[in-house]
Amino acid sequence: QRDRVPALHRRIAAWMAANDSPIESVRSSIKAGDWEQAGRTMMACIPLILSVQAPALATALEPMAHRANEVPGLFELLAATAFHMQRRDYSAMRRDTAEAREYLDTAPPELRASAAIMLQLFEQAGCRMTGDSIGQIEVCRSILSMLDQTPRRQVPLARHFRAIATNNLGVGQLWTDDIDDAERSLADAEHQLHDLGMDLAVLNAASYHALLDA
């Protein structure tokens, strides 16, 4: 009864998503050939790319990343961006981010604001990884401004995105010798990230805070 298999994978994906197992949900959606649902689940759990679960998420997204080569779309290119970021292939990450931006207008209306902010977060990551501190600061400020102007209901992960942007703003400010503002941004980010349980990002903020103190 092989014709029943895709439907079973969809049921597994739905159950996993509802029971705090988004990475397994992504895997099952891909097995079902439901690329859109895999993309939606990815967008709902993208902060995991900055957690100890990042390798598992990148592995789950790898089929979507490869699919982006043949059937490019917003979800596929976002998956490729996250995959290449975790694998530290930053040139590919920046290419995927630029290409994904071309598909932003294809995003479902309820996901468009989140997708736009995700793209900017990947752009600032590209700046950070290549030492462009001024560009990093500009993009982080743009993200925070966009979050201020966008209703929370349109960006379910707004608190996570704000904390990540504030943390990276502080890092950029430190490297450009804006010490007072870096102190404020890193302290604020550390508090936000701690409240959200983003332990690796907390460690990052605390490490830069320690460097600033030194």
Protein backbone atom coordinates (compact mmCIF):
# COMPACT_ATOMS: atom_id res chain seq x y z
CA GLN A 1 0.00 0.00 0.00
CA ARG A 2 2.72 2.40 -1.00
CA ASP A 3 0.21 5.03 -2.04
CA ARG A 4 -0.60 5.53 1.66
CA VAL A 5 2.97 6.37 2.65
CA PRO A 6 2.98 10.12 1.84
CA ALA A 7 -0.21 10.65 3.86
CA LEU A 8 1.32 8.79 6.79
CA HIS A 9 4.41 10.97 6.64
CA ARG A 10 2.17 14.06 6.66
CA ARG A 11 0.41 12.77 9.77
CA ILE A 12 3.76 12.14 11.43
CA ALA A 13 4.93 15.63 10.47
CA ALA A 14 1.81 17.22 11.94
CA TRP A 15 2.12 15.22 15.17
CA MET A 16 5.81 16.04 15.55
CA ALA A 17 5.21 19.76 14.94
CA ALA A 18 2.48 19.77 17.60
CA ASN A 19 4.68 17.92 20.09
CA ASP A 20 7.80 20.08 20.13
CA SER A 21 9.79 18.05 17.59
CA PRO A 22 10.06 20.46 14.63
CA ILE A 23 13.21 18.91 13.18
CA GLU A 24 11.55 15.51 12.93
CA SER A 25 8.52 17.27 11.46
CA VAL A 26 10.68 18.81 8.73
CA ARG A 27 12.15 15.38 7.93
CA SER A 28 8.71 13.78 7.66
CA SER A 29 7.30 16.59 5.49
CA ILE A 30 10.22 16.14 3.10
CA LYS A 31 9.64 12.37 3.01
CA ALA A 32 6.03 13.13 2.11
CA GLY A 33 7.18 15.45 -0.67
CA ASP A 34 5.40 18.31 1.08
CA TRP A 35 8.05 20.96 0.53
CA GLU A 36 5.81 23.86 1.50
CA GLN A 37 4.99 22.39 4.90
CA ALA A 38 8.65 21.60 5.46
CA GLY A 39 9.41 25.25 4.71
CA ARG A 40 6.70 26.53 7.03
CA THR A 41 7.98 24.35 9.88
CA MET A 42 11.55 25.48 9.19
CA MET A 43 10.49 29.11 9.50
CA ALA A 44 8.79 28.35 12.81
CA CYS A 45 11.93 26.80 14.29
CA ILE A 46 14.75 28.71 12.55
CA PRO A 47 16.30 29.97 15.85
CA LEU A 48 17.47 26.36 16.37
CA ILE A 49 20.19 27.10 13.79
CA LEU A 50 21.87 29.01 16.67
CA SER A 51 21.48 26.16 19.17
CA VAL A 52 23.06 22.79 19.94
CA GLN A 53 20.45 21.33 17.58
CA ALA A 54 21.91 23.23 14.62
CA PRO A 55 23.70 20.19 13.08
CA ALA A 56 20.49 18.13 13.25
CA LEU A 57 18.44 20.93 11.69
CA ALA A 58 21.01 21.44 8.92
CA THR A 59 20.96 17.71 8.14
CA ALA A 60 17.16 17.74 8.00
CA LEU A 61 17.24 20.74 5.65
CA GLU A 62 19.90 19.30 3.35
CA PRO A 63 17.39 17.80 0.83
CA MET A 64 15.69 21.22 0.56
CA ALA A 65 19.07 22.89 0.13
CA HIS A 66 19.89 20.54 -2.75
CA ARG A 67 16.43 21.03 -4.24
CA ALA A 68 17.16 24.77 -4.43
CA ASN A 69 19.66 24.00 -7.21
CA GLU A 70 16.96 22.54 -9.48
CA VAL A 71 13.67 23.95 -8.18
CA PRO A 72 14.53 27.26 -6.50
CA GLY A 73 11.89 28.89 -4.35
CA LEU A 74 11.78 30.97 -1.19
CA PHE A 75 11.58 28.04 1.22
CA GLU A 76 14.26 26.06 -0.63
CA LEU A 77 16.66 29.02 -0.73
CA LEU A 78 16.07 29.85 2.93
CA ALA A 79 16.82 26.22 3.76
CA ALA A 80 19.99 26.40 1.65
CA THR A 81 21.01 29.59 3.44
CA ALA A 82 20.59 28.00 6.88
CA PHE A 83 22.31 24.80 5.72
CA HIS A 84 25.36 26.63 4.36
CA MET A 85 25.55 28.90 7.40
CA GLN A 86 25.73 25.90 9.73
CA ARG A 87 28.35 24.25 7.48
CA ARG A 88 30.34 27.53 7.52
CA ASP A 89 30.19 27.94 3.76
CA TYR A 90 29.63 31.68 4.03
CA SER A 91 30.07 32.51 0.34
CA ALA A 92 27.28 30.06 -0.53
CA MET A 93 25.20 31.45 2.34
CA ARG A 94 25.46 34.98 0.98
CA ARG A 95 24.61 33.81 -2.55
CA ASP A 96 21.56 31.93 -1.29
CA THR A 97 20.42 34.95 0.72
CA ALA A 98 20.63 37.23 -2.32
CA GLU A 99 18.73 34.73 -4.49
CA ALA A 100 16.07 34.15 -1.81
CA ARG A 101 15.36 37.88 -1.74
CA GLU A 102 14.26 37.62 -5.40
CA TYR A 103 11.50 35.23 -4.28
CA LEU A 104 10.30 37.23 -1.28
CA ASP A 105 7.17 38.39 -3.07
CA THR A 106 6.14 34.73 -3.49
CA ALA A 107 5.94 34.20 0.27
CA PRO A 108 2.51 33.48 1.74
CA PRO A 109 1.18 36.83 3.03
CA GLU A 110 1.20 35.69 6.64
CA LEU A 111 4.90 34.72 6.39
CA ARG A 112 6.21 37.61 4.31
CA ALA A 113 7.31 39.83 7.22
CA SER A 114 9.05 36.94 8.97
CA ALA A 115 10.79 35.90 5.76
CA ALA A 116 12.02 39.46 5.15
CA ILE A 117 13.48 39.68 8.66
CA MET A 118 15.05 36.22 8.35
CA LEU A 119 16.80 37.34 5.18
CA GLN A 120 18.18 40.38 6.96
CA LEU A 121 19.38 38.22 9.83
CA PHE A 122 21.28 36.04 7.37
CA GLU A 123 22.66 39.17 5.70
CA GLN A 124 24.02 40.47 8.99
CA ALA A 125 25.52 37.04 9.65
CA GLY A 126 27.32 37.33 6.33
CA CYS A 127 28.64 40.75 7.34
CA ARG A 128 29.78 39.43 10.71
CA MET A 129 31.55 36.40 9.27
CA THR A 130 33.46 38.53 6.77
CA GLY A 131 34.45 41.27 9.23
CA ASP A 132 32.14 43.96 7.84
CA SER A 133 31.25 45.46 11.24
CA ILE A 134 29.77 48.65 9.80
CA GLY A 135 27.50 46.66 7.49
CA GLN A 136 26.57 44.41 10.40
CA ILE A 137 25.51 47.39 12.50
CA GLU A 138 23.45 48.89 9.67
CA VAL A 139 21.59 45.64 9.00
CA CYS A 140 20.92 44.99 12.70
CA ARG A 141 19.50 48.49 13.12
CA SER A 142 17.32 47.91 10.06
CA ILE A 143 16.03 44.65 11.59
CA LEU A 144 15.20 46.35 14.89
CA SER A 145 13.45 49.19 13.06
CA MET A 146 11.41 46.71 11.01
CA LEU A 147 10.40 44.85 14.17
CA ASP A 148 9.32 48.12 15.77
CA GLN A 149 7.11 48.90 12.79
CA THR A 150 5.61 45.42 12.28
CA PRO A 151 2.71 44.09 14.41
CA ARG A 152 3.80 41.17 16.57
CA ARG A 153 1.06 38.93 15.15
CA GLN A 154 2.83 39.10 11.77
CA VAL A 155 6.16 37.94 13.23
CA PRO A 156 5.60 35.15 15.79
CA LEU A 157 9.35 34.91 16.45
CA ALA A 158 9.75 38.66 16.91
CA ARG A 159 11.29 38.32 20.38
CA HIS A 160 13.87 35.83 19.13
CA PHE A 161 14.72 37.96 16.10
CA ARG A 162 15.02 41.08 18.26
CA ALA A 163 17.35 39.36 20.72
CA ILE A 164 19.58 38.01 17.94
CA ALA A 165 19.76 41.39 16.22
CA THR A 166 20.52 43.21 19.49
CA ASN A 167 23.30 40.74 20.27
CA ASN A 168 24.91 41.17 16.86
CA LEU A 169 24.47 44.95 17.04
CA GLY A 170 26.49 44.89 20.26
CA VAL A 171 29.21 42.78 18.64
CA GLY A 172 29.44 45.22 15.73
CA GLN A 173 29.55 48.18 18.09
CA LEU A 174 32.36 46.59 20.06
CA TRP A 175 34.48 46.03 16.95
CA THR A 176 33.93 49.63 15.83
CA ASP A 177 35.01 50.93 19.27
CA ASP A 178 31.56 52.21 20.24
CA ILE A 179 32.10 50.93 23.76
CA ASP A 180 29.22 52.53 25.66
CA ASP A 181 26.59 51.46 23.12
CA ALA A 182 28.15 47.98 22.91
CA GLU A 183 27.85 47.64 26.68
CA ARG A 184 24.15 48.53 26.57
CA SER A 185 23.36 46.31 23.58
CA LEU A 186 25.19 43.25 24.89
CA ALA A 187 23.64 43.55 28.37
CA ASP A 188 20.18 43.92 26.83
CA ALA A 189 20.78 41.00 24.47
CA GLU A 190 22.07 38.73 27.22
CA HIS A 191 18.92 39.38 29.26
CA GLN A 192 16.59 38.79 26.29
CA LEU A 193 18.38 35.63 25.16
CA HIS A 194 18.40 34.20 28.67
CA ASP A 195 14.63 34.70 28.95
CA LEU A 196 14.17 32.87 25.62
CA GLY A 197 16.37 29.93 26.65
CA MET A 198 18.80 30.49 23.75
CA ASP A 199 21.81 29.16 25.63
CA LEU A 200 24.45 29.27 22.86
CA ALA A 201 23.50 32.83 21.94
CA VAL A 202 23.65 33.75 25.66
CA LEU A 203 27.18 32.33 25.72
CA ASN A 204 28.07 34.43 22.69
CA ALA A 205 26.72 37.62 24.27
CA ALA A 206 28.42 36.87 27.59
CA SER A 207 31.73 36.16 25.85
CA TYR A 208 31.72 39.49 24.03
CA HIS A 209 30.62 41.20 27.22
CA ALA A 210 33.65 39.68 28.95
CA LEU A 211 35.92 40.84 26.13
CA LEU A 212 34.49 44.34 26.48
CA ASP A 213 35.15 44.27 30.24
CA ALA A 214 38.73 43.09 29.65
